[in-house]
Amino acid sequence: MRLATVFKRVLRLARERVVDVEIRGEKDAEEIVVTIARDRRAKMRCPGCGYATRATYDRGVRSWRHLDCLRTRCLIRCEVRRIQCPTCGVVTEEVPWARAGARFTRGFEDTCAWLAKAAPKSVVATLMRIDWDTVGRMIERVVDEARGGAGADWLDGLTRIGVDEVAWRKGHRYLMVVTCHTTGRIVWTHPGRSKETLERFFAELGPERARRLEAVSVDLVAGWPEVIERLAPQATICADPFHVVALAGKALDALRRQDWQRLRKEDPERAKWLKGTRFVLRRRSEDLKEEERSVIEDLARTNERVYHGWLLYDQLRAVYQQADPDQAANLFGSWLDAAFTSGLQPFEKLACTLIDRTQDILAAIELGVSNARTEAMNSTVRLISHRSRGFKRLESLQALLQLVCGKIPVALPT
């Protein structure tokens, strides 16, 4: 078999022809250069908009790094032309083996992106013998291609979404994340967590697609519900169960701290014991171990206020375990009455907050939507940031987060 035929098969070329294969460089720095030629009769296409033409603006020879061949660097070399696109201007024609603007083949970039899902970029850079920043730019190109360039495709067909923020850096640096409940993928990210940031998402979504939204799960304390009610009034707002239960947990902590401060002067030993019950109080009643149940029983005998608060906390979580929405509505109504008449100031304040959003809380139970997937991403973001030793550019983090959590299919070129 001819050498040109071997490389044509190995490189999986279609209509292109291998016209030359040579080895360049000195020992320990050699590289294989495969020169290919394209059909000059075929139309040239703009990589941005797909405009096709046979008119050439100019031409030149370019090289693309491919996957190593027998531990030797491999380059693909080909003459390419530039065209005058009426929309994009003067651009280099589209080539099937590489993405627009890349000096690496698709196979090389897909391999790097696949590795970056599970390994730090420094490891990928060392393994593939490229620069650290180059790995980030490859990931951005892979994600942009999957998103259809500007990302409009990912915003099409949205009916049920979740809105939440993810902490990506110290100093209260947040990233707003919009997740599609139907596909489970991240569809939009932007730095910030204000109402203006959410308004920016709806501006990119557009009024027509916003009218198709059926349900939006959201954190109730961030001021986002009023933005949704104004820009997507037909959508059902669903109070995220995680945040609702978290508010009850904060009320329980506030109650425990109040009694701890009181007992510090009256009974220091008892105050120390009460301080150590924090994590036991956060556990579900059905998940308590035998020694933890004895702590709760001791609490019921010695501190009725904190024990009553723990019961309210556990009962609120039990509301979300009801399969029947009507039963859940009855239980939640009973819980509000119990909280209002408990005489516990933190829970009375919480009841005042939740009673105004009763419909949103029950809607989340009825539709079965939550931001649990986004909440789980908090640990993923911290892991990605830690293993990458931080990010110089937020865009690199957004691209890597969408690559890992956006369900972008990246197949190894094998």
Protein backbone atom coordinates (compact mmCIF):
# COMPACT_ATOMS: atom_id res chain seq x y z
CA MET A 1 0.00 0.00 0.00
CA ARG A 2 1.30 3.45 -0.90
CA LEU A 3 2.37 5.72 1.96
CA ALA A 4 -0.06 8.42 0.78
CA THR A 5 -2.94 5.94 0.95
CA VAL A 6 -1.96 4.89 4.47
CA PHE A 7 -2.04 8.47 5.75
CA LYS A 8 -5.27 9.21 3.91
CA ARG A 9 -6.94 6.36 5.79
CA VAL A 10 -5.29 7.14 9.13
CA LEU A 11 -6.30 10.81 8.93
CA ARG A 12 -9.80 9.83 7.76
CA LEU A 13 -9.71 12.22 4.83
CA ALA A 14 -12.66 12.28 2.43
CA ARG A 15 -12.18 14.03 -0.91
CA GLU A 16 -8.76 15.42 0.02
CA ARG A 17 -5.59 13.86 -1.41
CA VAL A 18 -2.28 13.23 0.35
CA VAL A 19 0.41 14.59 -1.97
CA ASP A 20 3.47 14.42 0.28
CA VAL A 21 4.69 13.00 3.61
CA GLU A 22 8.01 14.08 5.09
CA ILE A 23 9.88 14.19 8.39
CA ARG A 24 11.36 17.51 9.44
CA GLY A 25 13.51 18.65 12.32
CA GLU A 26 16.42 17.21 14.22
CA LYS A 27 16.54 14.15 16.46
CA ASP A 28 14.20 14.34 19.50
CA ALA A 29 12.41 17.27 17.82
CA GLU A 30 11.16 15.61 14.68
CA GLU A 31 7.70 16.12 13.23
CA ILE A 32 5.75 14.43 10.48
CA VAL A 33 4.32 16.87 7.93
CA VAL A 34 1.48 15.54 5.77
CA THR A 35 0.71 17.79 2.80
CA ILE A 36 -2.78 17.43 1.38
CA ALA A 37 -4.61 19.01 -1.55
CA ARG A 38 -8.29 19.87 -1.88
CA ASP A 39 -10.56 19.82 -4.90
CA ARG A 40 -10.22 23.27 -6.47
CA ARG A 41 -13.55 22.85 -8.27
CA ALA A 42 -15.52 22.65 -5.03
CA LYS A 43 -17.19 25.78 -3.69
CA MET A 44 -15.60 27.51 -0.73
CA ARG A 45 -17.77 28.13 2.33
CA CYS A 46 -17.69 30.76 5.03
CA PRO A 47 -17.19 29.08 8.44
CA GLY A 48 -19.42 31.69 10.09
CA CYS A 49 -22.58 31.80 8.00
CA GLY A 50 -22.13 29.08 5.38
CA TYR A 51 -22.00 31.46 2.40
CA ALA A 52 -20.68 29.55 -0.64
CA THR A 53 -18.68 30.95 -3.55
CA ARG A 54 -15.94 30.09 -6.03
CA ALA A 55 -14.43 33.60 -6.05
CA THR A 56 -11.03 33.66 -4.32
CA TYR A 57 -9.83 36.71 -2.42
CA ASP A 58 -6.30 35.31 -1.88
CA ARG A 59 -4.61 32.09 -0.87
CA GLY A 60 -1.87 30.79 1.40
CA VAL A 61 -0.46 27.65 3.02
CA ARG A 62 -1.38 26.75 6.61
CA SER A 63 -0.53 23.98 9.03
CA TRP A 64 -2.65 22.30 11.72
CA ARG A 65 -1.34 20.23 14.61
CA HIS A 66 -2.82 16.73 14.63
CA LEU A 67 -2.60 13.88 17.13
CA ASP A 68 0.89 12.45 17.48
CA CYS A 69 1.87 9.62 15.18
CA LEU A 70 4.13 7.01 16.83
CA ARG A 71 5.05 9.55 19.55
CA THR A 72 6.05 12.06 16.88
CA ARG A 73 4.34 15.39 16.35
CA CYS A 74 2.12 15.33 13.27
CA LEU A 75 1.14 18.35 11.20
CA ILE A 76 -1.35 18.65 8.36
CA ARG A 77 -0.32 21.16 5.72
CA CYS A 78 -2.65 22.48 3.04
CA GLU A 79 -3.21 25.49 0.81
CA VAL A 80 -6.35 27.35 1.81
CA ARG A 81 -8.10 30.33 0.29
CA ARG A 82 -9.80 33.38 1.70
CA ILE A 83 -13.13 34.61 0.44
CA GLN A 84 -15.07 37.87 0.55
CA CYS A 85 -18.21 37.03 2.52
CA PRO A 86 -20.97 39.67 2.28
CA THR A 87 -21.84 39.09 5.95
CA CYS A 88 -18.57 38.20 7.69
CA GLY A 89 -16.09 40.05 5.50
CA VAL A 90 -12.80 38.52 4.39
CA VAL A 91 -12.52 35.09 6.03
CA THR A 92 -10.60 31.86 5.54
CA GLU A 93 -12.61 29.13 3.88
CA GLU A 94 -14.06 26.34 5.97
CA VAL A 95 -12.00 23.15 6.16
CA PRO A 96 -13.55 19.86 7.35
CA TRP A 97 -10.69 18.81 9.64
CA ALA A 98 -10.47 21.95 11.80
CA ARG A 99 -12.73 24.54 13.45
CA ALA A 100 -12.72 28.15 12.36
CA GLY A 101 -9.73 30.07 13.71
CA ALA A 102 -8.01 26.95 15.07
CA ARG A 103 -4.49 25.78 14.27
CA PHE A 104 -5.31 22.30 15.55
CA THR A 105 -7.42 19.57 13.99
CA ARG A 106 -10.83 18.61 15.35
CA GLY A 107 -9.45 15.29 16.55
CA PHE A 108 -6.74 17.02 18.55
CA GLU A 109 -9.12 19.55 20.09
CA ASP A 110 -11.75 16.92 20.91
CA THR A 111 -9.13 14.83 22.68
CA CYS A 112 -8.01 17.82 24.77
CA ALA A 113 -11.62 18.73 25.62
CA TRP A 114 -12.39 15.14 26.62
CA LEU A 115 -9.35 15.04 28.90
CA ALA A 116 -10.18 18.47 30.39
CA LYS A 117 -13.46 17.09 31.75
CA ALA A 118 -11.60 14.98 34.29
CA ALA A 119 -8.07 16.39 34.50
CA PRO A 120 -6.52 19.81 35.22
CA LYS A 121 -5.60 21.87 32.20
CA SER A 122 -1.95 21.77 33.29
CA VAL A 123 -2.01 17.97 32.99
CA VAL A 124 -3.68 18.14 29.58
CA ALA A 125 -1.14 20.72 28.40
CA THR A 126 1.80 18.57 29.53
CA LEU A 127 0.38 15.37 28.02
CA MET A 128 -0.47 16.94 24.66
CA ARG A 129 2.64 19.18 24.60
CA ILE A 130 0.81 22.47 24.18
CA ASP A 131 0.43 25.71 26.12
CA TRP A 132 -1.87 25.95 29.18
CA ASP A 133 -3.84 28.87 27.70
CA THR A 134 -4.27 26.94 24.45
CA VAL A 135 -6.30 24.27 26.25
CA GLY A 136 -8.74 26.96 27.43
CA ARG A 137 -9.18 28.37 23.94
CA MET A 138 -9.81 24.86 22.59
CA ILE A 139 -12.55 24.29 25.17
CA GLU A 140 -14.17 27.61 24.24
CA ARG A 141 -14.20 26.63 20.54
CA VAL A 142 -15.72 23.21 21.30
CA VAL A 143 -18.42 24.78 23.47
CA ASP A 144 -19.17 27.57 20.98
CA GLU A 145 -19.61 25.03 18.20
CA ALA A 146 -21.96 22.92 20.35
CA ARG A 147 -23.95 26.03 21.25
CA GLY A 148 -24.33 27.01 17.62
CA GLY A 149 -21.95 29.97 17.74
CA ALA A 150 -23.87 32.63 19.64
CA GLY A 151 -25.73 30.13 21.80
CA ALA A 152 -29.20 30.86 20.37
CA ASP A 153 -29.90 27.18 19.74
CA TRP A 154 -29.64 26.35 23.45
CA LEU A 155 -32.29 28.94 24.27
CA ASP A 156 -34.76 27.50 21.78
CA GLY A 157 -37.53 25.24 23.07
CA LEU A 158 -37.16 26.10 26.75
CA THR A 159 -40.28 25.33 28.79
CA ARG A 160 -39.04 24.51 32.30
CA ILE A 161 -35.92 26.21 33.61
CA GLY A 162 -34.12 26.74 36.91
CA VAL A 163 -32.32 29.94 37.90
CA ASP A 164 -29.64 29.94 40.58
CA GLU A 165 -26.23 31.41 41.39
CA VAL A 166 -22.92 29.59 41.79
CA ALA A 167 -19.99 30.98 43.80
CA TRP A 168 -16.89 30.70 41.62
CA ARG A 169 -14.39 32.78 43.56
CA LYS A 170 -13.76 34.29 46.99
CA GLY A 171 -15.09 37.76 47.66
CA HIS A 172 -18.73 37.09 46.77
CA ARG A 173 -18.02 36.44 43.09
CA TYR A 174 -21.09 34.75 41.66
CA LEU A 175 -22.16 33.30 38.34
CA MET A 176 -25.85 33.17 37.44
CA VAL A 177 -26.71 29.80 35.93
CA VAL A 178 -29.86 28.92 33.99
CA THR A 179 -30.56 25.20 33.65
CA CYS A 180 -33.08 23.43 31.40
CA HIS A 181 -35.05 20.91 33.47
CA THR A 182 -36.00 18.95 30.35
CA THR A 183 -32.48 18.27 29.08
CA GLY A 184 -30.60 18.77 32.36
CA ARG A 185 -28.00 21.00 30.72
CA ILE A 186 -26.76 24.49 31.48
CA VAL A 187 -28.11 26.81 28.80
CA TRP A 188 -26.90 30.24 29.99
CA THR A 189 -24.33 31.70 32.37
CA HIS A 190 -23.36 35.25 33.24
CA PRO A 191 -21.37 36.89 36.06
CA GLY A 192 -23.51 38.40 38.83
CA ARG A 193 -26.70 37.46 40.62
CA SER A 194 -28.72 40.68 40.62
CA LYS A 195 -32.13 41.32 39.12
CA GLU A 196 -30.38 43.12 36.26
CA THR A 197 -28.48 39.92 35.44
CA LEU A 198 -31.73 37.96 35.21
CA GLU A 199 -33.23 40.71 33.05
CA ARG A 200 -30.25 40.28 30.72
CA PHE A 201 -31.12 36.59 30.32
CA PHE A 202 -34.70 37.45 29.36
CA ALA A 203 -33.39 40.08 26.93
CA GLU A 204 -31.33 37.38 25.16
CA LEU A 205 -34.22 34.94 25.37
CA GLY A 206 -36.60 37.41 23.74
CA PRO A 207 -40.33 38.02 24.37
CA GLU A 208 -41.48 35.27 21.99
CA ARG A 209 -39.48 32.49 23.63
CA ALA A 210 -40.21 33.90 27.09
CA ARG A 211 -43.93 33.39 26.43
CA ARG A 212 -43.28 29.66 25.97
CA LEU A 213 -41.91 29.20 29.49
CA GLU A 214 -44.18 27.05 31.62
CA ALA A 215 -42.29 26.86 34.94
CA VAL A 216 -39.28 28.55 36.52
CA SER A 217 -37.69 27.23 39.73
CA VAL A 218 -35.99 30.03 41.60
CA ASP A 219 -34.63 31.24 44.93
CA LEU A 220 -37.29 33.36 46.63
CA VAL A 221 -34.98 35.70 48.55
CA ALA A 222 -33.00 37.13 45.64
CA GLY A 223 -35.72 39.38 44.16
CA TRP A 224 -35.90 37.22 41.03
CA PRO A 225 -39.62 36.26 41.25
CA GLU A 226 -40.72 39.82 40.50
CA VAL A 227 -38.54 39.86 37.36
CA ILE A 228 -40.12 36.59 36.19
CA GLU A 229 -43.63 37.84 36.94
CA ARG A 230 -42.96 40.93 34.83
CA LEU A 231 -41.15 39.35 31.86
CA ALA A 232 -42.80 35.90 31.78
CA PRO A 233 -46.16 36.35 33.55
CA GLN A 234 -47.60 33.08 32.23
CA ALA A 235 -44.78 30.98 33.76
CA THR A 236 -45.43 29.22 37.05
CA ILE A 237 -42.87 30.26 39.64
CA CYS A 238 -41.67 27.32 41.72
CA ALA A 239 -39.93 28.04 45.01
CA ASP A 240 -36.82 25.90 45.07
CA PRO A 241 -37.25 23.36 47.93
CA PHE A 242 -33.57 23.52 48.85
CA HIS A 243 -33.73 27.26 49.58
CA VAL A 244 -37.05 27.03 51.44
CA VAL A 245 -35.73 24.31 53.76
CA ALA A 246 -32.45 26.23 54.09
CA LEU A 247 -34.41 29.23 55.41
CA ALA A 248 -35.92 26.97 58.06
CA GLY A 249 -32.44 25.71 58.91
CA LYS A 250 -31.24 29.29 59.39
CA ALA A 251 -34.22 29.98 61.66
CA LEU A 252 -33.33 26.92 63.74
CA ASP A 253 -29.70 28.04 63.97
CA ALA A 254 -30.81 31.52 65.08
CA LEU A 255 -33.01 29.95 67.78
CA ARG A 256 -30.18 27.71 69.00
CA ARG A 257 -27.75 30.66 69.14
CA GLN A 258 -30.23 32.70 71.17
CA ASP A 259 -30.48 29.98 73.81
CA TRP A 260 -26.72 29.40 73.69
CA GLN A 261 -26.12 33.07 74.50
CA ARG A 262 -28.56 32.83 77.40
CA LEU A 263 -27.04 29.64 78.80
CA ARG A 264 -23.46 30.96 78.60
CA LYS A 265 -24.17 32.98 81.76
CA GLU A 266 -26.60 30.62 83.50
CA ASP A 267 -25.06 27.20 82.76
CA PRO A 268 -21.77 27.21 80.74
CA GLU A 269 -21.60 23.40 80.60
CA ARG A 270 -25.12 23.17 79.19
CA ALA A 271 -24.32 25.96 76.72
CA LYS A 272 -21.31 23.98 75.47
CA TRP A 273 -23.49 20.87 75.05
CA LEU A 274 -26.15 22.85 73.15
CA LYS A 275 -23.52 24.29 70.82
CA GLY A 276 -22.46 20.76 69.89
CA THR A 277 -25.97 19.79 68.76
CA ARG A 278 -25.82 21.90 65.60
CA PHE A 279 -25.21 19.08 63.13
CA VAL A 280 -27.56 16.66 64.86
CA LEU A 281 -30.38 19.21 64.55
CA ARG A 282 -29.84 19.37 60.78
CA ARG A 283 -30.44 15.65 60.25
CA ARG A 284 -33.78 14.16 59.23
CA SER A 285 -35.66 12.37 61.98
CA GLU A 286 -35.69 9.10 60.02
CA ASP A 287 -31.91 9.31 59.48
CA LEU A 288 -30.96 9.78 63.13
CA LYS A 289 -28.65 7.18 64.64
CA GLU A 290 -29.30 5.75 68.10
CA GLU A 291 -26.87 8.08 69.87
CA GLU A 292 -28.27 11.05 67.92
CA ARG A 293 -31.82 10.16 68.97
CA SER A 294 -30.71 10.26 72.58
CA VAL A 295 -29.44 13.81 71.99
CA ILE A 296 -32.84 14.83 70.62
CA GLU A 297 -34.61 13.16 73.55
CA ASP A 298 -32.33 14.99 75.99
CA LEU A 299 -33.07 18.23 74.15
CA ALA A 300 -36.82 17.61 74.48
CA ARG A 301 -36.42 17.30 78.27
CA THR A 302 -34.07 20.25 78.82
CA ASN A 303 -34.76 22.81 76.08
CA GLU A 304 -38.32 22.92 74.83
CA ARG A 305 -37.74 25.97 72.60
CA VAL A 306 -34.96 24.45 70.49
CA TYR A 307 -36.74 21.07 70.41
CA HIS A 308 -39.90 22.79 69.16
CA GLY A 309 -37.84 24.55 66.48
CA TRP A 310 -36.32 21.23 65.38
CA LEU A 311 -39.83 19.75 65.05
CA LEU A 312 -40.90 22.67 62.84
CA TYR A 313 -37.78 22.27 60.73
CA ASP A 314 -38.33 18.54 60.28
CA GLN A 315 -42.05 18.98 59.57
CA LEU A 316 -41.34 21.48 56.79
CA ARG A 317 -39.08 18.94 55.10
CA ALA A 318 -41.85 16.35 55.46
CA VAL A 319 -44.16 18.60 53.40
CA TYR A 320 -41.92 18.06 50.35
CA GLN A 321 -42.08 14.29 50.77
CA GLN A 322 -45.81 14.19 50.05
CA ALA A 323 -46.72 12.71 46.69
CA ASP A 324 -50.25 14.12 46.77
CA PRO A 325 -50.26 17.92 46.13
CA ASP A 326 -53.53 18.34 48.06
CA GLN A 327 -52.09 16.56 51.09
CA ALA A 328 -48.95 18.70 50.81
CA ALA A 329 -51.09 21.87 50.72
CA ASN A 330 -52.94 20.80 53.88
CA LEU A 331 -49.71 19.98 55.69
CA PHE A 332 -48.11 23.26 54.67
CA GLY A 333 -51.15 25.19 55.90
CA SER A 334 -50.93 23.40 59.23
CA TRP A 335 -47.20 24.14 59.37
CA LEU A 336 -47.81 27.87 58.84
CA ASP A 337 -50.36 27.89 61.69
CA ALA A 338 -47.91 26.07 63.97
CA ALA A 339 -45.07 28.44 63.11
CA PHE A 340 -47.20 31.55 63.64
CA THR A 341 -48.36 30.35 67.08
CA SER A 342 -45.04 28.84 68.19
CA GLY A 343 -43.85 31.90 70.06
CA LEU A 344 -40.44 31.41 68.40
CA GLN A 345 -39.47 34.70 66.77
CA PRO A 346 -37.22 33.24 64.00
CA PHE A 347 -39.96 30.84 62.85
CA GLU A 348 -42.68 33.47 63.12
CA LYS A 349 -40.59 35.68 60.83
CA LEU A 350 -40.03 32.75 58.45
CA ALA A 351 -43.78 32.03 58.32
CA CYS A 352 -44.42 35.67 57.33
CA THR A 353 -41.94 35.24 54.47
CA LEU A 354 -43.32 31.93 53.22
CA ILE A 355 -47.03 32.70 53.45
CA ASP A 356 -46.69 35.26 50.64
CA ARG A 357 -45.14 32.60 48.39
CA THR A 358 -47.41 29.69 49.31
CA GLN A 359 -48.52 29.23 45.70
CA ASP A 360 -44.89 29.05 44.52
CA ILE A 361 -43.98 26.51 47.19
CA LEU A 362 -46.91 24.24 46.35
CA ALA A 363 -46.23 24.60 42.61
CA ALA A 364 -42.74 23.16 43.10
CA ILE A 365 -44.25 20.14 44.86
CA GLU A 366 -46.93 19.64 42.22
CA LEU A 367 -44.58 19.96 39.21
CA GLY A 368 -41.66 18.22 40.90
CA VAL A 369 -39.04 20.77 39.84
CA SER A 370 -36.12 22.08 41.88
CA ASN A 371 -32.64 23.53 41.52
CA ALA A 372 -31.01 20.44 42.98
CA ARG A 373 -28.93 19.95 39.83
CA THR A 374 -27.59 23.50 40.03
CA GLU A 375 -26.92 23.19 43.76
CA ALA A 376 -24.89 20.06 43.08
CA MET A 377 -22.85 22.08 40.60
CA ASN A 378 -21.49 24.26 43.41
CA SER A 379 -19.12 21.48 44.43
CA THR A 380 -18.28 20.85 40.77
CA VAL A 381 -17.38 24.51 40.25
CA ARG A 382 -15.18 24.53 43.35
CA LEU A 383 -13.47 21.32 42.19
CA ILE A 384 -12.89 22.72 38.69
CA SER A 385 -11.52 25.98 40.08
CA HIS A 386 -9.32 24.19 42.63
CA ARG A 387 -7.77 21.74 40.20
CA SER A 388 -7.18 24.56 37.70
CA ARG A 389 -5.57 26.78 40.36
CA GLY A 390 -8.03 29.53 39.48
CA PHE A 391 -8.83 31.19 36.16
CA LYS A 392 -7.37 34.26 34.54
CA ARG A 393 -10.48 34.74 32.42
CA LEU A 394 -14.05 34.10 33.56
CA GLU A 395 -14.89 33.01 30.01
CA SER A 396 -12.58 30.01 30.46
CA LEU A 397 -14.46 28.92 33.59
CA GLN A 398 -17.82 29.39 31.86
CA ALA A 399 -16.70 27.30 28.90
CA LEU A 400 -15.31 24.52 31.11
CA LEU A 401 -18.44 24.56 33.30
CA GLN A 402 -20.66 24.24 30.22
CA LEU A 403 -18.42 21.48 28.88
CA VAL A 404 -18.63 19.47 32.11
CA CYS A 405 -22.21 20.25 33.19
CA GLY A 406 -23.78 21.18 29.86
CA LYS A 407 -23.85 17.61 28.54
CA ILE A 408 -21.81 18.53 25.48
CA PRO A 409 -20.96 15.30 23.68
CA VAL A 410 -17.22 15.07 23.04
CA ALA A 411 -16.14 11.81 21.45
CA LEU A 412 -12.56 10.60 21.30
CA PRO A 413 -11.31 10.29 17.70
CA THR A 414 -10.82 6.54 17.92
